[in-house]
Amino acid sequence: MAQASVDRTLCVGCGLCIELCPAVFARAEDRTAFVQLQAVPPEATRCCQEAAAACPVDAIAVSETEN
């Protein structure tokens, strides 16, 4: 299982992660992204990794966790 995080001090609020993986990412009132799930479900792992790769400021980290 994967776990994602967003460094909101780096996030510029472009929304690309939300477009690519709305099951995991959401927009806060200050327009920065945040992770809305503690653990990324297996079916959303790929889109989560794509969002991390596409982030223009490298604010997203995805790591594998042990079950």
Protein backbone atom coordinates (compact mmCIF):
# COMPACT_ATOMS: atom_id res chain seq x y z
CA MET A 1 0.00 0.00 0.00
CA ALA A 2 1.19 3.54 -0.69
CA GLN A 3 1.08 6.69 1.38
CA ALA A 4 1.14 10.20 -0.06
CA SER A 5 1.98 13.59 1.37
CA VAL A 6 1.95 17.17 0.12
CA ASP A 7 4.42 19.77 1.33
CA ARG A 8 1.99 22.66 1.47
CA THR A 9 4.83 25.16 1.89
CA LEU A 10 5.96 24.23 -1.63
CA CYS A 11 2.53 23.79 -3.24
CA VAL A 12 1.59 26.56 -5.66
CA GLY A 13 -2.03 25.48 -5.99
CA CYS A 14 -1.94 24.60 -9.68
CA GLY A 15 -4.43 21.77 -9.13
CA LEU A 16 -2.73 19.29 -11.43
CA CYS A 17 -2.62 16.60 -8.73
CA ILE A 18 -6.34 17.02 -8.11
CA GLU A 19 -7.07 16.64 -11.83
CA LEU A 20 -4.89 13.55 -12.11
CA CYS A 21 -5.94 11.84 -8.89
CA PRO A 22 -9.09 13.28 -7.29
CA ALA A 23 -9.53 10.17 -5.14
CA VAL A 24 -6.40 11.13 -3.17
CA PHE A 25 -5.89 14.90 -3.48
CA ALA A 26 -8.18 17.83 -2.69
CA ARG A 27 -7.91 21.62 -2.54
CA ALA A 28 -7.83 23.51 0.75
CA GLU A 29 -9.35 26.95 1.29
CA ASP A 30 -5.93 28.54 0.66
CA ARG A 31 -5.90 26.73 -2.74
CA THR A 32 -3.04 24.40 -1.79
CA ALA A 33 -3.48 20.67 -2.22
CA PHE A 34 -3.75 18.17 0.58
CA VAL A 35 -4.06 14.40 0.87
CA GLN A 36 -7.57 13.40 1.86
CA LEU A 37 -6.74 9.74 2.58
CA GLN A 38 -4.32 8.32 5.15
CA ALA A 39 -3.47 5.39 2.88
CA VAL A 40 -3.73 5.40 -0.88
CA PRO A 41 -6.01 2.59 -2.07
CA PRO A 42 -4.32 0.18 -4.50
CA GLU A 43 -6.52 1.32 -7.38
CA ALA A 44 -5.33 4.93 -6.92
CA THR A 45 -1.60 4.23 -6.53
CA ARG A 46 -0.80 4.78 -10.19
CA CYS A 47 -2.61 8.12 -10.49
CA CYS A 48 -1.02 9.23 -7.21
CA GLN A 49 2.45 8.46 -8.58
CA GLU A 50 1.59 10.29 -11.80
CA ALA A 51 0.50 13.33 -9.80
CA ALA A 52 3.78 13.30 -7.88
CA ALA A 53 5.77 13.08 -11.11
CA ALA A 54 3.75 15.89 -12.71
CA CYS A 55 3.93 18.31 -9.76
CA PRO A 56 5.82 21.37 -11.05
CA VAL A 57 7.37 22.12 -7.64
CA ASP A 58 7.94 18.53 -6.40
CA ALA A 59 5.61 19.07 -3.44
CA ILE A 60 4.20 15.52 -3.50
CA ALA A 61 5.90 12.47 -2.03
CA VAL A 62 4.64 8.91 -2.43
CA SER A 63 6.09 6.05 -0.43
CA GLU A 64 5.28 2.38 -0.11
CA THR A 65 4.23 1.20 3.33
CA GLU A 66 4.13 -2.27 4.76
CA ASN A 67 0.72 -3.70 5.54
